[in-house]
Amino acid sequence: MPRPRVNLLSVDLIADAAIELADSGDTFGVNALARKLGVTPSSLYNHVDGKDAIIELMRSRLGARYFPEPVTGDWDEIVTGTVRGLRRLYADHPLIVPLIVGKTITDPGVIGSYDRLATALVDAGVPDDEVLAIVAIVDAYAIGFGLDLASPDEIWQPTVPTATLGRLITDAAHGAERSDAAFEIGLEMLVASLRLRLQNRR
């Protein structure tokens, strides 16, 4: 006789199914996830405490997927590596962003990634009272440009004459090419501004 599906549940299976459910845009919750897995909600509670715990499992799974190895190097390499990885995560899973942003981070692996970023900034000379602000800026930048990839190919479509914008739109790149180019310029500016800020403190 086949074993019941409930016996096959694991935290990894639950996390993967939860990511698929969130990516689909369907209603997200314990009951919906249980239906997707073909089990009862009570079976899920044998592995997780509830919705918040499921979201943290998703965060852990995605963190391991997009950061299989710790980001290392000088502070600027850690900043750029972290931003690039986070942008890929948010771009691939835009519907998950509201879930993970709305939940306090507790996963040890993800905490470790932020700790390495914070440590690199402190070691570079960033004052303690500015480190968390810079970490938040890095996160917000990655979220913004991750979601930017979901924008339509044509961001602006003027319906009235413009002095400059219309000409620039005609000559500019579109879609992912536009987003990637803007991301690289912004990342260069972000790192350059941090470097200048550090130099001015010496």
Protein backbone atom coordinates (compact mmCIF):
# COMPACT_ATOMS: atom_id res chain seq x y z
CA MET A 1 0.00 0.00 0.00
CA PRO A 2 1.44 3.45 -0.88
CA ARG A 3 2.50 5.60 2.02
CA PRO A 4 0.23 8.59 2.69
CA ARG A 5 1.50 11.85 1.24
CA VAL A 6 1.55 13.39 4.70
CA ASN A 7 4.51 11.16 5.60
CA LEU A 8 6.47 12.63 2.71
CA LEU A 9 6.22 16.18 4.00
CA SER A 10 9.43 17.98 4.85
CA VAL A 11 10.31 21.59 5.49
CA ASP A 12 12.00 21.78 2.07
CA LEU A 13 8.94 20.40 0.31
CA ILE A 14 6.71 22.81 2.21
CA ALA A 15 8.99 25.75 1.37
CA ASP A 16 9.13 24.87 -2.34
CA ALA A 17 5.35 24.46 -2.54
CA ALA A 18 4.84 27.74 -0.68
CA ILE A 19 7.13 29.55 -3.14
CA GLU A 20 5.18 28.08 -6.06
CA LEU A 21 1.89 29.09 -4.45
CA ALA A 22 3.04 32.66 -3.84
CA ASP A 23 4.49 32.93 -7.36
CA SER A 24 1.15 31.83 -8.82
CA GLY A 25 -0.66 34.82 -7.35
CA ASP A 26 -3.29 32.61 -5.71
CA THR A 27 -4.45 33.28 -2.16
CA PHE A 28 -1.60 32.49 0.21
CA GLY A 29 -2.18 30.82 3.56
CA VAL A 30 -1.94 27.59 5.49
CA ASN A 31 -5.17 26.16 4.09
CA ALA A 32 -4.25 27.01 0.50
CA LEU A 33 -0.81 25.48 0.93
CA ALA A 34 -2.28 22.34 2.46
CA ARG A 35 -4.58 21.96 -0.55
CA LYS A 36 -1.65 22.39 -2.92
CA LEU A 37 0.29 19.68 -1.09
CA GLY A 38 -2.74 17.40 -0.85
CA VAL A 39 -2.65 17.25 2.94
CA THR A 40 -4.69 18.57 5.82
CA PRO A 41 -3.74 21.82 7.57
CA SER A 42 -3.11 19.85 10.74
CA SER A 43 -0.45 17.86 8.87
CA LEU A 44 1.37 21.08 8.03
CA TYR A 45 1.30 22.11 11.68
CA ASN A 46 3.36 19.02 12.47
CA HIS A 47 6.21 20.73 10.60
CA VAL A 48 5.56 24.48 10.91
CA ASP A 49 3.88 26.73 13.46
CA GLY A 50 1.81 28.73 10.99
CA LYS A 51 1.92 31.25 8.17
CA ASP A 52 4.81 33.29 9.58
CA ALA A 53 6.93 30.17 9.94
CA ILE A 54 6.12 29.17 6.36
CA ILE A 55 7.20 32.58 5.10
CA GLU A 56 10.46 32.24 6.98
CA LEU A 57 10.99 28.80 5.41
CA MET A 58 10.49 30.45 2.02
CA ARG A 59 13.02 33.14 2.88
CA SER A 60 15.51 30.50 3.98
CA ARG A 61 15.01 28.44 0.83
CA LEU A 62 15.37 31.44 -1.45
CA GLY A 63 18.39 32.70 0.44
CA ALA A 64 20.15 29.37 -0.03
CA ARG A 65 19.14 29.30 -3.70
CA TYR A 66 20.38 32.78 -4.60
CA PHE A 67 23.33 32.87 -2.21
CA PRO A 68 24.67 29.29 -2.28
CA GLU A 69 28.03 30.61 -1.09
CA PRO A 70 28.67 33.57 1.23
CA VAL A 71 29.44 36.83 -0.56
CA THR A 72 33.07 37.64 0.21
CA GLY A 73 35.73 40.20 -0.68
CA ASP A 74 36.27 43.86 0.13
CA TRP A 75 33.33 45.91 1.39
CA ASP A 76 32.42 47.16 -2.10
CA GLU A 77 32.45 43.61 -3.49
CA ILE A 78 30.19 42.44 -0.68
CA VAL A 79 27.79 45.34 -1.28
CA THR A 80 27.61 44.74 -5.04
CA GLY A 81 27.40 40.97 -4.67
CA THR A 82 24.59 41.28 -2.15
CA VAL A 83 22.65 43.76 -4.28
CA ARG A 84 22.98 41.62 -7.41
CA GLY A 85 21.83 38.46 -5.65
CA LEU A 86 18.88 40.18 -3.99
CA ARG A 87 17.83 41.81 -7.25
CA ARG A 88 17.76 38.43 -9.00
CA LEU A 89 15.69 36.99 -6.16
CA TYR A 90 13.15 39.82 -6.18
CA ALA A 91 12.98 39.88 -9.99
CA ASP A 92 12.29 36.15 -10.18
CA HIS A 93 9.71 36.22 -7.38
CA PRO A 94 8.02 39.65 -7.36
CA LEU A 95 4.80 38.36 -5.77
CA ILE A 96 6.76 37.03 -2.80
CA VAL A 97 8.19 40.46 -1.95
CA PRO A 98 5.16 41.67 0.09
CA LEU A 99 5.21 38.45 2.11
CA ILE A 100 8.88 38.47 3.08
CA VAL A 101 9.10 42.24 3.50
CA GLY A 102 6.17 42.13 5.91
CA LYS A 103 7.76 39.51 8.16
CA THR A 104 10.60 40.00 10.66
CA ILE A 105 13.75 38.17 9.54
CA THR A 106 14.78 35.34 11.85
CA ASP A 107 16.31 32.71 9.55
CA PRO A 108 19.93 32.07 10.64
CA GLY A 109 21.25 31.85 7.09
CA VAL A 110 19.69 35.13 6.00
CA ILE A 111 20.72 36.81 9.25
CA GLY A 112 24.25 35.60 8.53
CA SER A 113 24.21 37.28 5.11
CA TYR A 114 23.14 40.59 6.60
CA ASP A 115 25.70 40.20 9.37
CA ARG A 116 28.50 39.77 6.82
CA LEU A 117 27.33 42.90 5.03
CA ALA A 118 27.14 44.87 8.29
CA THR A 119 30.57 43.60 9.38
CA ALA A 120 32.13 44.58 6.04
CA LEU A 121 30.71 48.09 6.37
CA VAL A 122 31.94 48.48 9.95
CA ASP A 123 35.39 47.17 9.00
CA ALA A 124 35.48 49.68 6.13
CA GLY A 125 34.94 52.53 8.58
CA VAL A 126 31.19 53.14 8.41
CA PRO A 127 30.01 54.45 11.81
CA ASP A 128 27.86 52.04 13.78
CA ASP A 129 24.90 54.43 13.75
CA GLU A 130 24.85 54.46 9.92
CA VAL A 131 25.32 50.77 9.16
CA LEU A 132 21.70 49.65 9.46
CA ALA A 133 20.58 52.60 7.34
CA ILE A 134 22.99 51.57 4.58
CA VAL A 135 21.84 47.95 4.83
CA ALA A 136 18.26 49.19 4.40
CA ILE A 137 19.30 51.29 1.39
CA VAL A 138 20.97 48.25 -0.19
CA ASP A 139 17.82 46.19 0.37
CA ALA A 140 15.50 48.88 -0.96
CA TYR A 141 17.65 49.39 -4.05
CA ALA A 142 17.59 45.66 -4.81
CA ILE A 143 13.83 45.46 -4.30
CA GLY A 144 13.22 48.47 -6.53
CA PHE A 145 15.28 47.21 -9.43
CA GLY A 146 14.07 43.65 -8.96
CA LEU A 147 10.49 44.83 -9.39
CA ASP A 148 11.55 47.17 -12.20
CA LEU A 149 12.12 44.12 -14.40
CA ALA A 150 8.37 43.49 -14.20
CA SER A 151 7.67 46.89 -15.77
CA PRO A 152 6.29 47.11 -19.32
CA ASP A 153 8.82 47.51 -22.12
CA GLU A 154 7.58 51.05 -22.66
CA ILE A 155 7.76 52.90 -19.35
CA TRP A 156 6.78 56.30 -20.75
CA GLN A 157 4.43 57.04 -23.64
CA PRO A 158 3.83 60.79 -23.87
CA THR A 159 0.54 61.82 -25.45
CA VAL A 160 1.51 65.49 -25.61
CA PRO A 161 4.63 67.18 -27.04
CA THR A 162 7.66 67.11 -24.74
CA ALA A 163 10.80 69.23 -24.69
CA THR A 164 13.23 66.39 -24.03
CA LEU A 165 11.62 63.20 -22.75
CA GLY A 166 10.16 62.04 -26.07
CA ARG A 167 13.51 62.26 -27.85
CA LEU A 168 15.27 60.40 -25.06
CA ILE A 169 12.65 57.63 -25.08
CA THR A 170 13.05 57.13 -28.83
CA ASP A 171 16.81 56.68 -28.55
CA ALA A 172 16.84 54.65 -25.32
CA ALA A 173 16.96 50.93 -24.66
CA HIS A 174 13.76 49.17 -23.63
CA GLY A 175 12.65 46.28 -21.44
CA ALA A 176 15.27 44.27 -19.56
CA GLU A 177 18.10 46.04 -21.39
CA ARG A 178 16.87 49.40 -20.08
CA SER A 179 16.42 48.05 -16.56
CA ASP A 180 19.85 46.38 -16.50
CA ALA A 181 21.58 49.53 -17.73
CA ALA A 182 19.83 51.70 -15.15
CA PHE A 183 20.63 49.17 -12.42
CA GLU A 184 24.34 49.19 -13.26
CA ILE A 185 24.50 53.00 -13.31
CA GLY A 186 22.67 53.21 -10.00
CA LEU A 187 24.84 50.55 -8.38
CA GLU A 188 27.97 52.35 -9.51
CA MET A 189 26.60 55.58 -8.02
CA LEU A 190 25.66 53.83 -4.78
CA VAL A 191 29.12 52.35 -4.27
CA ALA A 192 30.85 55.58 -5.34
CA SER A 193 28.80 57.63 -2.87
CA LEU A 194 29.64 55.21 -0.06
CA ARG A 195 33.32 55.32 -0.99
CA LEU A 196 33.29 59.14 -1.02
CA ARG A 197 31.47 59.21 2.31
CA LEU A 198 34.15 56.98 3.81
CA GLN A 199 36.96 59.11 2.36
CA ASN A 200 35.43 62.28 3.80
CA ARG A 201 35.47 60.74 7.27
CA ARG A 202 39.20 60.07 7.20
